C-alpha cells in the first residue's frame, strides 16, 4: 500500500500524488473499502478516486533517482520499434504506453522522433495519431524522470542533453 503524499505512476494518466486515503460512501461498495485520492502531476485541477486494491490499472512507485539517471544514460542505445504496418505500429505504441515502463516509452519517443523527421523531409505531414502517442509517451516519461530526479519538468530536457553530452533521442 502506498502512503499519503507519495508520488506513484497510475496507468497512462502518469504521475499522481496520493493526496488522501479514505473510505467513501458509495452505494454497493463496502463502507470499509479504502480508496486512493490521486492528483495527476500534469493536471492538478483533476482528482482520481481508485480502490487501494485495484488491479485494473498499473499502480507502482516512481523510479529512484539512480534508476532515472541510468535510464537517461542508456537513452542513446534505445532501439527503434519496427512494425510492418500502420495498424500493428499503432497497437505497439499503445502497448508500450500502457506498460508504464520508461524504457518502452523511450522506444516509442525515439521511433516517433525519427518517423516525424522522415515524414517532414519527404514533405509529408506527421500523422495526428503519431503526434498524440508521442505527447503521451513524452508526458509520462518526462514527468516520472522529473519527479525521480527532483528537477522541474521545464529543466529536464536540458538536464538530459547535458548528461548525454548534447545527444538527443533522435540520434
Protein backbone atom coordinates (compact mmCIF):
# COMPACT_ATOMS: atom_id res chain seq x y z
CA UNK A 1 0.00 0.00 0.00
CA UNK A 2 1.21 3.49 -0.81
CA UNK A 3 1.17 6.40 1.60
CA UNK A 4 -0.40 9.84 1.58
CA UNK A 5 1.93 12.40 -0.03
CA UNK A 6 3.70 9.78 -2.14
CA UNK A 7 4.01 10.06 -5.93
CA UNK A 8 3.08 7.00 -7.95
CA UNK A 9 2.68 6.01 -11.59
CA UNK A 10 -1.02 5.48 -12.28
CA UNK A 11 -1.50 3.84 -15.67
CA UNK A 12 -1.49 6.06 -18.72
CA UNK A 13 -2.50 9.01 -16.53
CA UNK A 14 1.13 9.04 -15.45
CA UNK A 15 2.46 10.51 -12.24
CA UNK A 16 -0.05 11.22 -9.49
CA UNK A 17 0.28 12.37 -5.92
CA UNK A 18 -1.69 10.47 -3.31
CA UNK A 19 -3.46 13.31 -1.57
CA UNK A 20 -5.60 11.10 0.68
CA UNK A 21 -6.52 7.52 1.52
CA UNK A 22 -10.07 7.17 2.72
CA UNK A 23 -13.34 5.27 2.66
CA UNK A 24 -16.17 6.56 0.51
CA UNK A 25 -19.92 6.45 0.84
CA UNK A 26 -20.81 4.75 -2.44
CA UNK A 27 -23.87 2.59 -2.90
CA UNK A 28 -22.92 -1.07 -3.27
CA UNK A 29 -19.36 -0.57 -2.00
CA UNK A 30 -18.40 -1.79 1.49
CA UNK A 31 -18.03 1.13 3.90
CA UNK A 32 -14.57 -0.06 4.97
CA UNK A 33 -13.15 -0.22 1.39
CA UNK A 34 -10.20 2.16 1.07
CA UNK A 35 -9.64 4.46 -1.90
CA UNK A 36 -6.65 6.49 -3.00
CA UNK A 37 -7.42 10.10 -3.83
CA UNK A 38 -4.97 11.00 -6.60
CA UNK A 39 -3.98 14.32 -8.13
CA UNK A 40 -2.36 13.97 -11.56
CA UNK A 41 1.02 15.70 -11.83
CA UNK A 42 0.19 17.27 -15.21
CA UNK A 43 -3.49 18.09 -14.47
CA UNK A 44 -3.53 19.28 -10.88
CA UNK A 45 -7.12 20.50 -11.07
CA UNK A 46 -8.29 16.89 -11.59
CA UNK A 47 -8.95 14.25 -8.96
CA UNK A 48 -8.97 10.48 -9.38
CA UNK A 49 -10.51 8.03 -6.92
CA UNK A 50 -9.32 4.44 -7.18
CA UNK A 51 -9.63 1.46 -4.84
CA UNK A 52 -6.42 0.71 -2.95
CA UNK A 53 -6.68 -2.94 -4.02
CA UNK A 54 -7.43 -2.25 -7.70
CA UNK A 55 -5.60 -4.36 -10.26
CA UNK A 56 -7.28 -2.84 -13.33
CA UNK A 57 -4.73 -0.06 -13.72
CA UNK A 58 -0.99 -0.26 -13.17
CA UNK A 59 0.00 1.47 -9.94
CA UNK A 60 3.64 1.49 -8.96
CA UNK A 61 6.21 3.58 -7.14
CA UNK A 62 8.10 6.19 -9.12
CA UNK A 63 11.59 5.07 -10.10
CA UNK A 64 14.52 6.15 -7.94
CA UNK A 65 16.94 8.95 -8.79
CA UNK A 66 19.61 6.36 -9.58
CA UNK A 67 17.27 4.44 -11.87
CA UNK A 68 16.30 7.68 -13.64
CA UNK A 69 19.97 8.55 -14.23
CA UNK A 70 20.66 5.06 -15.57
CA UNK A 71 17.66 5.27 -17.90
CA UNK A 72 18.88 8.62 -19.23
CA UNK A 73 22.42 7.33 -19.66
CA UNK A 74 21.09 4.43 -21.75
CA UNK A 75 18.79 6.53 -23.96
CA UNK A 76 21.18 6.64 -26.94
CA UNK A 77 21.22 2.82 -27.08
CA UNK A 78 17.42 2.52 -27.14
CA UNK A 79 16.24 0.59 -30.16
CA UNK A 80 13.72 1.94 -32.59
CA UNK A 81 10.46 -0.01 -32.81
CA UNK A 82 9.97 -1.80 -36.14
CA UNK A 83 6.45 -2.70 -37.25
CA UNK A 84 5.45 -3.81 -40.74
CA UNK A 85 2.18 -1.87 -40.99
CA UNK A 86 0.32 1.13 -39.57
CA UNK A 87 -2.22 -0.89 -37.58
CA UNK A 88 0.41 -3.02 -35.86
CA UNK A 89 2.61 0.04 -35.23
CA UNK A 90 -0.27 1.89 -33.54
CA UNK A 91 -1.01 -1.12 -31.32
CA UNK A 92 2.69 -1.47 -30.45
CA UNK A 93 2.83 2.19 -29.40
CA UNK A 94 -0.27 1.81 -27.23
CA UNK A 95 1.06 -1.38 -25.66
CA UNK A 96 4.34 0.34 -24.78
CA UNK A 97 2.50 3.33 -23.31
CA UNK A 98 0.14 1.09 -21.28
CA UNK A 99 3.14 -0.78 -19.87
CA UNK A 100 4.20 2.38 -17.95
CA UNK A 101 7.79 1.28 -18.46
CA UNK A 102 10.27 4.11 -19.01
CA UNK A 103 12.42 2.10 -21.41
CA UNK A 104 9.38 1.23 -23.55
CA UNK A 105 8.34 4.90 -23.58
CA UNK A 106 11.81 5.86 -24.78
CA UNK A 107 11.49 3.41 -27.69
CA UNK A 108 8.16 4.98 -28.67
CA UNK A 109 9.60 8.50 -28.43
CA UNK A 110 12.72 7.65 -30.38
CA UNK A 111 10.73 5.86 -33.09
CA UNK A 112 8.30 8.75 -33.45
CA UNK A 113 11.08 11.39 -33.49
CA UNK A 114 12.72 9.53 -36.37
CA UNK A 115 9.39 8.95 -38.12
CA UNK A 116 8.50 12.65 -37.83
CA UNK A 117 11.84 13.72 -39.31
CA UNK A 118 11.42 11.27 -42.20
CA UNK A 119 7.88 12.49 -42.94
CA UNK A 120 8.86 16.15 -42.81
CA UNK A 121 11.91 15.61 -45.02
CA UNK A 122 9.60 13.98 -47.60
CA UNK A 123 7.25 16.96 -47.43
CA UNK A 124 4.56 14.85 -45.76
CA UNK A 125 2.53 15.51 -42.64
CA UNK A 126 3.17 13.76 -39.35
CA UNK A 127 0.04 11.73 -38.52
CA UNK A 128 -2.22 13.06 -35.75
CA UNK A 129 -2.28 9.62 -34.07
CA UNK A 130 1.53 9.60 -34.02
CA UNK A 131 1.54 13.12 -32.55
CA UNK A 132 -0.88 12.01 -29.79
CA UNK A 133 1.19 8.92 -28.96
CA UNK A 134 4.37 11.00 -28.88
CA UNK A 135 2.79 13.52 -26.49
CA UNK A 136 1.51 10.84 -24.10
CA UNK A 137 4.83 8.98 -24.12
CA UNK A 138 6.81 12.20 -23.54
CA UNK A 139 4.44 13.44 -20.81
CA UNK A 140 4.60 10.15 -18.93
CA UNK A 141 8.36 9.67 -19.29
CA UNK A 142 9.39 13.23 -18.56
CA UNK A 143 7.00 13.56 -15.62
CA UNK A 144 8.41 10.44 -13.98
CA UNK A 145 12.02 11.46 -14.62
CA UNK A 146 11.28 14.95 -13.31
CA UNK A 147 9.78 13.63 -10.06
CA UNK A 148 12.50 10.98 -9.62
CA UNK A 149 15.31 13.49 -10.15
CA UNK A 150 13.67 16.35 -8.26
CA UNK A 151 14.06 18.57 -11.33
CA UNK A 152 11.43 20.93 -12.68
CA UNK A 153 9.90 19.44 -15.81
CA UNK A 154 10.86 22.53 -17.83
CA UNK A 155 14.54 21.93 -16.99
CA UNK A 156 14.52 18.21 -17.75
CA UNK A 157 15.36 18.35 -21.47
CA UNK A 158 18.41 20.48 -20.73
CA UNK A 159 19.43 18.08 -17.93
CA UNK A 160 19.15 15.11 -20.30
CA UNK A 161 21.11 16.86 -23.06
CA UNK A 162 23.82 17.92 -20.58
CA UNK A 163 24.04 14.41 -19.12
CA UNK A 164 24.29 12.87 -22.59
CA UNK A 165 26.75 15.45 -23.90
CA UNK A 166 24.27 17.01 -26.34
CA UNK A 167 22.96 13.72 -27.77
CA UNK A 168 19.20 13.51 -28.26
CA UNK A 169 16.81 10.58 -28.61
CA UNK A 170 16.60 11.02 -32.37
CA UNK A 171 20.32 10.28 -32.79
